[in-house]
């Protein structure tokens, strides 16, 4: 069997056509070490940056910023894992992980945040689903914590399961 598949059922033996049957989500786009990319990157699959990105990174999937990687600008993604340096805004729909070597300066908006010991963050962070309901009446979306609650009150109540 060769490197490229052979689709003999449809009568087309083109290697390019055979490779198109794979899922785009299985693909990882790379910005290699020593590379500087200026502008906007839009991807429907995961992106790993070991180089430097100056601009906007929009990913329908997971963004991975390697320890040697850097982003100056905005990251918009479903999930992200940051081990390098980010200066700017980070908007993550689901889960953001700041690895122990991460340095983030800017604004974070995410549903869930995991911070490893040693990670550095300077800026503003908003996390969790937006609070709905009337706080004066004690009406909140399930899992939401009113801003007036202290960390010890949040831990005592069983509303919070993951931060």
C-alpha atoms as a PDB file:
ATOM      1  CA  UNK A   1       0.000   0.000   0.000  1.00  0.00           C
ATOM      2  CA  UNK A   2       1.343   3.424  -0.920  1.00  0.00           C
ATOM      3  CA  UNK A   3       1.530   6.624   1.037  1.00  0.00           C
ATOM      4  CA  UNK A   4      -1.621   7.950  -0.622  1.00  0.00           C
ATOM      5  CA  UNK A   5      -4.851   5.982  -0.732  1.00  0.00           C
ATOM      6  CA  UNK A   6      -6.374   4.726  -3.974  1.00  0.00           C
ATOM      7  CA  UNK A   7     -10.089   5.305  -4.386  1.00  0.00           C
ATOM      8  CA  UNK A   8     -10.896   2.794  -7.116  1.00  0.00           C
ATOM      9  CA  UNK A   9     -14.632   2.586  -6.325  1.00  0.00           C
ATOM     10  CA  UNK A  10     -15.313   6.059  -7.729  1.00  0.00           C
ATOM     11  CA  UNK A  11     -12.866   5.583 -10.564  1.00  0.00           C
ATOM     12  CA  UNK A  12     -10.641   8.448  -9.377  1.00  0.00           C
ATOM     13  CA  UNK A  13      -7.156   7.432  -8.298  1.00  0.00           C
ATOM     14  CA  UNK A  14      -5.977  10.976  -7.606  1.00  0.00           C
ATOM     15  CA  UNK A  15      -3.948  11.154  -4.370  1.00  0.00           C
ATOM     16  CA  UNK A  16      -5.332  14.637  -3.718  1.00  0.00           C
ATOM     17  CA  UNK A  17      -8.885  13.347  -3.853  1.00  0.00           C
ATOM     18  CA  UNK A  18      -8.034  10.411  -1.583  1.00  0.00           C
ATOM     19  CA  UNK A  19      -6.621  12.770   1.056  1.00  0.00           C
ATOM     20  CA  UNK A  20      -9.759  14.926   1.059  1.00  0.00           C
ATOM     21  CA  UNK A  21     -11.712  12.166   2.803  1.00  0.00           C
ATOM     22  CA  UNK A  22      -9.904  12.911   6.120  1.00  0.00           C
ATOM     23  CA  UNK A  23     -11.449  15.268   8.642  1.00  0.00           C
ATOM     24  CA  UNK A  24     -10.272  18.877   8.692  1.00  0.00           C
ATOM     25  CA  UNK A  25     -10.513  18.728  12.488  1.00  0.00           C
ATOM     26  CA  UNK A  26      -7.710  16.118  12.545  1.00  0.00           C
ATOM     27  CA  UNK A  27      -5.384  18.701  11.024  1.00  0.00           C
ATOM     28  CA  UNK A  28      -2.995  20.865  13.069  1.00  0.00           C
ATOM     29  CA  UNK A  29      -1.810  24.122  11.541  1.00  0.00           C
ATOM     30  CA  UNK A  30       1.698  25.155  12.581  1.00  0.00           C
ATOM     31  CA  UNK A  31       3.484  28.479  12.962  1.00  0.00           C
ATOM     32  CA  UNK A  32       7.023  27.240  13.391  1.00  0.00           C
ATOM     33  CA  UNK A  33       9.758  28.479  15.695  1.00  0.00           C
ATOM     34  CA  UNK A  34      11.638  31.397  14.129  1.00  0.00           C
ATOM     35  CA  UNK A  35       8.580  32.422  12.090  1.00  0.00           C
ATOM     36  CA  UNK A  36       6.900  35.800  12.526  1.00  0.00           C
ATOM     37  CA  UNK A  37       3.362  36.005  11.178  1.00  0.00           C
ATOM     38  CA  UNK A  38       1.684  39.422  10.954  1.00  0.00           C
ATOM     39  CA  UNK A  39      -2.030  39.623  10.227  1.00  0.00           C
ATOM     40  CA  UNK A  40      -5.081  37.439  10.843  1.00  0.00           C
ATOM     41  CA  UNK A  41      -5.047  33.657  10.962  1.00  0.00           C
ATOM     42  CA  UNK A  42      -8.439  31.934  10.616  1.00  0.00           C
ATOM     43  CA  UNK A  43      -8.544  28.153  10.948  1.00  0.00           C
ATOM     44  CA  UNK A  44     -11.279  25.517  11.126  1.00  0.00           C
ATOM     45  CA  UNK A  45      -8.890  23.151  12.916  1.00  0.00           C
ATOM     46  CA  UNK A  46      -6.289  23.281  15.688  1.00  0.00           C
ATOM     47  CA  UNK A  47      -3.365  25.717  15.571  1.00  0.00           C
ATOM     48  CA  UNK A  48       0.017  25.316  17.288  1.00  0.00           C
ATOM     49  CA  UNK A  49       2.303  28.350  17.447  1.00  0.00           C
ATOM     50  CA  UNK A  50       5.976  27.950  18.277  1.00  0.00           C
ATOM     51  CA  UNK A  51       6.778  31.200  16.478  1.00  0.00           C
ATOM     52  CA  UNK A  52       5.458  34.736  16.913  1.00  0.00           C
ATOM     53  CA  UNK A  53       2.037  35.957  15.789  1.00  0.00           C
ATOM     54  CA  UNK A  54       1.309  39.674  15.629  1.00  0.00           C
ATOM     55  CA  UNK A  55      -2.383  40.148  14.973  1.00  0.00           C
ATOM     56  CA  UNK A  56      -5.489  38.014  15.401  1.00  0.00           C
ATOM     57  CA  UNK A  57      -5.772  34.253  15.747  1.00  0.00           C
ATOM     58  CA  UNK A  58      -9.315  32.859  15.184  1.00  0.00           C
ATOM     59  CA  UNK A  59      -9.596  29.102  15.645  1.00  0.00           C
ATOM     60  CA  UNK A  60     -12.601  26.781  15.489  1.00  0.00           C
ATOM     61  CA  UNK A  61     -10.818  24.281  17.692  1.00  0.00           C
ATOM     62  CA  UNK A  62      -7.841  24.315  20.028  1.00  0.00           C
ATOM     63  CA  UNK A  63      -5.085  26.925  20.062  1.00  0.00           C
ATOM     64  CA  UNK A  64      -1.728  25.868  21.488  1.00  0.00           C
ATOM     65  CA  UNK A  65       0.943  28.462  22.184  1.00  0.00           C
ATOM     66  CA  UNK A  66       4.210  26.607  22.830  1.00  0.00           C
ATOM     67  CA  UNK A  67       6.726  27.727  25.441  1.00  0.00           C
ATOM     68  CA  UNK A  68       8.808  29.417  22.737  1.00  0.00           C
ATOM     69  CA  UNK A  69       5.678  30.889  21.079  1.00  0.00           C
ATOM     70  CA  UNK A  70       4.264  34.397  21.439  1.00  0.00           C
ATOM     71  CA  UNK A  71       1.106  36.227  20.432  1.00  0.00           C
ATOM     72  CA  UNK A  72       0.742  40.003  20.362  1.00  0.00           C
ATOM     73  CA  UNK A  73      -2.897  40.669  19.641  1.00  0.00           C
ATOM     74  CA  UNK A  74      -6.088  38.685  20.036  1.00  0.00           C
ATOM     75  CA  UNK A  75      -6.825  34.969  20.397  1.00  0.00           C
ATOM     76  CA  UNK A  76     -10.357  33.727  19.725  1.00  0.00           C
ATOM     77  CA  UNK A  77     -10.830  29.951  20.032  1.00  0.00           C
ATOM     78  CA  UNK A  78     -12.941  27.120  21.367  1.00  0.00           C
ATOM     79  CA  UNK A  79     -10.161  25.835  23.664  1.00  0.00           C
ATOM     80  CA  UNK A  80      -6.608  27.009  24.337  1.00  0.00           C
ATOM     81  CA  UNK A  81      -3.435  25.871  26.040  1.00  0.00           C
ATOM     82  CA  UNK A  82      -0.811  28.550  26.595  1.00  0.00           C
ATOM     83  CA  UNK A  83       2.784  27.806  27.603  1.00  0.00           C
ATOM     84  CA  UNK A  84       4.372  30.868  25.977  1.00  0.00           C
ATOM     85  CA  UNK A  85       3.760  34.622  26.083  1.00  0.00           C
ATOM     86  CA  UNK A  86       0.513  36.363  25.139  1.00  0.00           C
ATOM     87  CA  UNK A  87       0.027  40.118  25.169  1.00  0.00           C
ATOM     88  CA  UNK A  88      -3.516  41.141  24.313  1.00  0.00           C
ATOM     89  CA  UNK A  89      -7.017  39.706  24.570  1.00  0.00           C
ATOM     90  CA  UNK A  90      -7.945  36.043  24.888  1.00  0.00           C
ATOM     91  CA  UNK A  91     -11.547  34.943  24.202  1.00  0.00           C
ATOM     92  CA  UNK A  92     -12.090  31.206  24.768  1.00  0.00           C
ATOM     93  CA  UNK A  93     -15.531  29.589  24.488  1.00  0.00           C
ATOM     94  CA  UNK A  94     -14.810  26.578  26.671  1.00  0.00           C
ATOM     95  CA  UNK A  95     -11.507  25.864  28.488  1.00  0.00           C
ATOM     96  CA  UNK A  96      -8.293  27.875  28.813  1.00  0.00           C
ATOM     97  CA  UNK A  97      -5.201  26.277  30.360  1.00  0.00           C
ATOM     98  CA  UNK A  98      -2.276  28.464  31.437  1.00  0.00           C
ATOM     99  CA  UNK A  99       0.735  26.148  31.702  1.00  0.00           C
ATOM    100  CA  UNK A 100       3.428  26.746  34.314  1.00  0.00           C
ATOM    101  CA  UNK A 101       5.610  28.641  31.791  1.00  0.00           C
ATOM    102  CA  UNK A 102       2.784  30.910  30.534  1.00  0.00           C
ATOM    103  CA  UNK A 103       3.003  34.701  30.735  1.00  0.00           C
ATOM    104  CA  UNK A 104      -0.220  36.528  29.903  1.00  0.00           C
ATOM    105  CA  UNK A 105      -0.604  40.307  29.914  1.00  0.00           C
ATOM    106  CA  UNK A 106      -4.081  41.496  29.008  1.00  0.00           C
ATOM    107  CA  UNK A 107      -7.699  40.473  29.187  1.00  0.00           C
ATOM    108  CA  UNK A 108      -9.080  36.931  29.475  1.00  0.00           C
ATOM    109  CA  UNK A 109     -12.674  35.854  28.827  1.00  0.00           C
ATOM    110  CA  UNK A 110     -13.365  32.132  29.162  1.00  0.00           C
ATOM    111  CA  UNK A 111     -15.920  29.681  30.479  1.00  0.00           C
ATOM    112  CA  UNK A 112     -13.366  27.644  32.474  1.00  0.00           C
ATOM    113  CA  UNK A 113      -9.819  28.527  33.502  1.00  0.00           C
ATOM    114  CA  UNK A 114      -7.034  26.215  34.661  1.00  0.00           C
ATOM    115  CA  UNK A 115      -3.864  27.891  35.970  1.00  0.00           C
ATOM    116  CA  UNK A 116      -0.807  25.766  36.707  1.00  0.00           C
ATOM    117  CA  UNK A 117       1.587  26.791  39.460  1.00  0.00           C
ATOM    118  CA  UNK A 118       4.204  29.164  38.044  1.00  0.00           C
ATOM    119  CA  UNK A 119       1.981  30.720  35.362  1.00  0.00           C
ATOM    120  CA  UNK A 120       1.983  34.527  35.340  1.00  0.00           C
ATOM    121  CA  UNK A 121      -1.100  36.610  34.547  1.00  0.00           C
ATOM    122  CA  UNK A 122      -1.460  40.379  34.683  1.00  0.00           C
ATOM    123  CA  UNK A 123      -4.755  41.911  33.642  1.00  0.00           C
ATOM    124  CA  UNK A 124      -8.480  41.331  33.794  1.00  0.00           C
ATOM    125  CA  UNK A 125     -10.291  37.991  33.787  1.00  0.00           C
ATOM    126  CA  UNK A 126     -13.976  37.235  33.248  1.00  0.00           C
ATOM    127  CA  UNK A 127     -15.003  33.619  33.444  1.00  0.00           C
ATOM    128  CA  UNK A 128     -18.051  31.408  33.574  1.00  0.00           C
ATOM    129  CA  UNK A 129     -21.356  31.723  31.827  1.00  0.00           C
ATOM    130  CA  UNK A 130     -22.909  35.167  31.934  1.00  0.00           C
ATOM    131  CA  UNK A 131     -25.101  35.579  34.998  1.00  0.00           C
ATOM    132  CA  UNK A 132     -28.789  35.700  34.156  1.00  0.00           C
ATOM    133  CA  UNK A 133     -31.675  36.552  36.426  1.00  0.00           C
ATOM    134  CA  UNK A 134     -32.231  39.265  38.993  1.00  0.00           C
ATOM    135  CA  UNK A 135     -29.465  39.282  41.642  1.00  0.00           C
ATOM    136  CA  UNK A 136     -31.710  41.254  44.045  1.00  0.00           C
ATOM    137  CA  UNK A 137     -34.190  38.359  44.062  1.00  0.00           C
ATOM    138  CA  UNK A 138     -31.507  35.669  44.328  1.00  0.00           C
ATOM    139  CA  UNK A 139     -32.196  34.435  40.783  1.00  0.00           C
ATOM    140  CA  UNK A 140     -29.060  33.187  39.071  1.00  0.00           C
ATOM    141  CA  UNK A 141     -28.248  30.824  36.241  1.00  0.00           C
ATOM    142  CA  UNK A 142     -27.239  27.386  37.548  1.00  0.00           C
ATOM    143  CA  UNK A 143     -23.590  27.374  38.587  1.00  0.00           C
ATOM    144  CA  UNK A 144     -23.262  31.157  38.580  1.00  0.00           C
ATOM    145  CA  UNK A 145     -21.925  32.852  41.690  1.00  0.00           C
ATOM    146  CA  UNK A 146     -22.978  36.382  42.601  1.00  0.00           C
ATOM    147  CA  UNK A 147     -20.039  38.789  42.781  1.00  0.00           C
ATOM    148  CA  UNK A 148     -20.747  39.529  46.439  1.00  0.00           C
ATOM    149  CA  UNK A 149     -19.984  35.933  47.493  1.00  0.00           C
ATOM    150  CA  UNK A 150     -16.542  35.316  48.891  1.00  0.00           C
ATOM    151  CA  UNK A 151     -14.383  32.370  47.855  1.00  0.00           C
ATOM    152  CA  UNK A 152     -15.066  30.576  51.146  1.00  0.00           C
ATOM    153  CA  UNK A 153     -18.835  31.015  50.694  1.00  0.00           C
ATOM    154  CA  UNK A 154     -18.550  29.685  47.133  1.00  0.00           C
ATOM    155  CA  UNK A 155     -16.621  26.639  48.339  1.00  0.00           C
ATOM    156  CA  UNK A 156     -19.123  26.042  51.125  1.00  0.00           C
ATOM    157  CA  UNK A 157     -22.039  26.118  48.717  1.00  0.00           C
ATOM    158  CA  UNK A 158     -21.935  23.280  46.233  1.00  0.00           C
ATOM    159  CA  UNK A 159     -22.627  25.590  43.274  1.00  0.00           C
ATOM    160  CA  UNK A 160     -19.013  25.617  42.060  1.00  0.00           C
ATOM    161  CA  UNK A 161     -17.518  22.400  40.721  1.00  0.00           C
ATOM    162  CA  UNK A 162     -14.628  23.618  38.548  1.00  0.00           C
ATOM    163  CA  UNK A 163     -12.651  26.819  38.257  1.00  0.00           C
END
